[in-house]
Amino acid sequence: MSGPVDVPGLEQVLLRLSRMAADLPELAELDFNPVLARRESVVVVDARVRLRPARPVDPYLRRLR
């Protein structure tokens, strides 16, 4: 059985993950396991990150953000 959790804290974890993925093109894979969401806090207990080599950026190629 679970109770209420820190929803704003969980939203922050997801927003920061999204920002990291947008800002770091080398990020190929990210695994948070487990994420403990409690009433007063959210904690990522373990994270595994896999990076790939950065591709050269073409300054004339437009990219949507």
N, C-alpha and C. Protein backbone atom coordinates (compact mmCIF):
# COMPACT_ATOMS: atom_id res chain seq x y z
N MET A 1 0.84 -1.17 0.00
CA MET A 1 0.00 0.00 0.00
C MET A 1 0.89 1.24 0.00
N SER A 2 0.53 2.25 -0.77
CA SER A 2 1.32 3.46 -0.82
C SER A 2 0.46 4.65 -0.45
N GLY A 3 1.14 5.69 0.02
CA GLY A 3 0.45 6.91 0.41
C GLY A 3 0.79 8.03 -0.54
N PRO A 4 0.50 9.26 -0.13
CA PRO A 4 0.79 10.42 -0.97
C PRO A 4 2.30 10.58 -1.17
N VAL A 5 2.68 11.13 -2.32
CA VAL A 5 4.08 11.36 -2.63
C VAL A 5 4.30 12.82 -3.00
N ASP A 6 5.56 13.21 -3.03
CA ASP A 6 5.96 14.57 -3.38
C ASP A 6 5.86 14.74 -4.90
N VAL A 7 4.68 15.09 -5.37
CA VAL A 7 4.46 15.23 -6.82
C VAL A 7 5.31 16.34 -7.43
N PRO A 8 5.43 17.52 -6.80
CA PRO A 8 6.32 18.54 -7.37
C PRO A 8 7.78 18.06 -7.43
N GLY A 9 8.22 17.30 -6.47
CA GLY A 9 9.58 16.75 -6.50
C GLY A 9 9.76 15.77 -7.63
N LEU A 10 8.77 14.94 -7.87
CA LEU A 10 8.81 13.99 -8.97
C LEU A 10 8.80 14.72 -10.31
N GLU A 11 8.00 15.78 -10.41
CA GLU A 11 7.99 16.59 -11.63
C GLU A 11 9.36 17.20 -11.89
N GLN A 12 10.04 17.66 -10.83
CA GLN A 12 11.38 18.23 -10.98
C GLN A 12 12.38 17.21 -11.49
N VAL A 13 12.31 15.99 -11.00
CA VAL A 13 13.20 14.93 -11.48
C VAL A 13 12.98 14.72 -12.98
N LEU A 14 11.73 14.65 -13.41
CA LEU A 14 11.43 14.43 -14.82
C LEU A 14 11.82 15.63 -15.68
N LEU A 15 11.60 16.83 -15.19
CA LEU A 15 11.99 18.02 -15.94
C LEU A 15 13.51 18.11 -16.08
N ARG A 16 14.23 17.79 -15.02
CA ARG A 16 15.70 17.83 -15.08
C ARG A 16 16.24 16.75 -16.01
N LEU A 17 15.61 15.60 -16.01
CA LEU A 17 16.00 14.53 -16.93
C LEU A 17 15.78 14.98 -18.37
N SER A 18 14.66 15.60 -18.64
CA SER A 18 14.36 16.09 -19.98
C SER A 18 15.36 17.17 -20.40
N ARG A 19 15.69 18.06 -19.47
CA ARG A 19 16.66 19.12 -19.77
C ARG A 19 18.04 18.53 -20.06
N MET A 20 18.43 17.53 -19.28
CA MET A 20 19.73 16.89 -19.49
C MET A 20 19.76 16.23 -20.86
N ALA A 21 18.70 15.57 -21.26
CA ALA A 21 18.65 14.92 -22.57
C ALA A 21 18.72 15.94 -23.70
N ALA A 22 18.11 17.10 -23.51
CA ALA A 22 18.15 18.15 -24.53
C ALA A 22 19.51 18.82 -24.61
N ASP A 23 20.16 19.00 -23.47
CA ASP A 23 21.44 19.72 -23.41
C ASP A 23 22.65 18.84 -23.69
N LEU A 24 22.50 17.54 -23.59
CA LEU A 24 23.63 16.63 -23.73
C LEU A 24 23.37 15.65 -24.87
N PRO A 25 23.77 15.99 -26.09
CA PRO A 25 23.48 15.11 -27.22
C PRO A 25 24.21 13.77 -27.14
N GLU A 26 25.23 13.67 -26.31
CA GLU A 26 25.96 12.41 -26.16
C GLU A 26 25.19 11.39 -25.34
N LEU A 27 24.14 11.82 -24.66
CA LEU A 27 23.36 10.93 -23.81
C LEU A 27 22.60 9.93 -24.67
N ALA A 28 22.97 8.65 -24.56
CA ALA A 28 22.32 7.61 -25.34
C ALA A 28 21.28 6.87 -24.51
N GLU A 29 21.54 6.70 -23.22
CA GLU A 29 20.64 5.91 -22.38
C GLU A 29 20.82 6.35 -20.93
N LEU A 30 19.71 6.38 -20.20
CA LEU A 30 19.75 6.74 -18.78
C LEU A 30 18.73 5.88 -18.05
N ASP A 31 19.17 5.26 -16.97
CA ASP A 31 18.30 4.37 -16.20
C ASP A 31 18.33 4.79 -14.75
N PHE A 32 17.19 5.19 -14.22
CA PHE A 32 17.04 5.48 -12.78
C PHE A 32 16.32 4.29 -12.17
N ASN A 33 16.98 3.59 -11.25
CA ASN A 33 16.35 2.42 -10.66
C ASN A 33 16.97 2.12 -9.30
N PRO A 34 16.26 2.26 -8.26
CA PRO A 34 14.89 2.74 -8.11
C PRO A 34 14.84 4.24 -7.86
N VAL A 35 13.65 4.77 -8.02
CA VAL A 35 13.35 6.15 -7.62
C VAL A 35 12.38 6.04 -6.46
N LEU A 36 12.77 6.58 -5.32
CA LEU A 36 11.91 6.53 -4.13
C LEU A 36 11.16 7.85 -4.01
N ALA A 37 9.85 7.80 -4.16
CA ALA A 37 9.01 8.98 -4.03
C ALA A 37 8.27 8.87 -2.71
N ARG A 38 8.61 9.77 -1.82
CA ARG A 38 7.97 9.80 -0.50
C ARG A 38 7.14 11.07 -0.36
N ARG A 39 6.50 11.18 0.74
CA ARG A 39 5.67 12.36 1.00
C ARG A 39 6.49 13.65 0.99
N GLU A 40 7.71 13.60 1.55
CA GLU A 40 8.51 14.81 1.71
C GLU A 40 9.68 14.93 0.72
N SER A 41 9.97 13.89 -0.04
CA SER A 41 11.12 13.96 -0.94
C SER A 41 11.05 12.90 -2.03
N VAL A 42 11.87 13.11 -3.05
CA VAL A 42 12.06 12.14 -4.12
C VAL A 42 13.56 11.90 -4.23
N VAL A 43 13.97 10.63 -4.23
CA VAL A 43 15.39 10.28 -4.26
C VAL A 43 15.64 9.27 -5.37
N VAL A 44 16.62 9.58 -6.22
CA VAL A 44 17.08 8.61 -7.22
C VAL A 44 18.20 7.83 -6.54
N VAL A 45 17.96 6.57 -6.25
CA VAL A 45 18.92 5.76 -5.49
C VAL A 45 20.10 5.34 -6.35
N ASP A 46 19.83 4.95 -7.59
CA ASP A 46 20.89 4.49 -8.48
C ASP A 46 20.60 4.98 -9.88
N ALA A 47 21.66 5.39 -10.57
CA ALA A 47 21.51 5.85 -11.95
C ALA A 47 22.61 5.23 -12.80
N ARG A 48 22.23 4.81 -14.00
CA ARG A 48 23.20 4.29 -14.96
C ARG A 48 23.08 5.12 -16.23
N VAL A 49 24.23 5.60 -16.70
CA VAL A 49 24.26 6.48 -17.86
C VAL A 49 25.14 5.85 -18.93
N ARG A 50 24.67 5.86 -20.17
CA ARG A 50 25.48 5.41 -21.30
C ARG A 50 25.59 6.58 -22.28
N LEU A 51 26.84 6.93 -22.60
CA LEU A 51 27.09 8.03 -23.53
C LEU A 51 27.59 7.48 -24.85
N ARG A 52 27.36 8.22 -25.91
CA ARG A 52 27.90 7.87 -27.22
C ARG A 52 28.75 9.06 -27.68
N PRO A 53 29.68 8.83 -28.58
CA PRO A 53 30.50 9.94 -29.07
C PRO A 53 29.64 11.04 -29.69
N ALA A 54 30.03 12.27 -29.44
CA ALA A 54 29.29 13.40 -29.99
C ALA A 54 29.54 13.49 -31.49
N ARG A 55 28.49 13.77 -32.22
CA ARG A 55 28.62 13.98 -33.66
C ARG A 55 28.93 15.45 -33.89
N PRO A 56 29.75 15.75 -34.89
CA PRO A 56 30.01 17.15 -35.20
C PRO A 56 28.70 17.87 -35.55
N VAL A 57 28.58 19.08 -35.10
CA VAL A 57 27.37 19.86 -35.33
C VAL A 57 27.57 20.72 -36.57
N ASP A 58 26.62 20.64 -37.48
CA ASP A 58 26.65 21.48 -38.67
C ASP A 58 26.01 22.81 -38.31
N PRO A 59 26.77 23.90 -38.33
CA PRO A 59 26.21 25.20 -37.91
C PRO A 59 25.10 25.70 -38.84
N TYR A 60 25.01 25.12 -40.05
CA TYR A 60 24.00 25.58 -41.00
C TYR A 60 22.73 24.73 -40.96
N LEU A 61 22.73 23.69 -40.16
CA LEU A 61 21.57 22.81 -40.02
C LEU A 61 20.71 23.31 -38.87
N ARG A 62 19.46 23.60 -39.15
CA ARG A 62 18.56 24.08 -38.09
C ARG A 62 17.98 22.90 -37.34
N ARG A 63 17.74 23.11 -36.07
CA ARG A 63 17.19 22.04 -35.23
C ARG A 63 16.05 22.61 -34.38
N LEU A 64 14.96 21.90 -34.31
CA LEU A 64 13.84 22.32 -33.46
C LEU A 64 14.17 22.04 -32.00
N ARG A 65 13.76 22.92 -31.13
CA ARG A 65 13.96 22.73 -29.70
C ARG A 65 12.64 22.88 -29.02
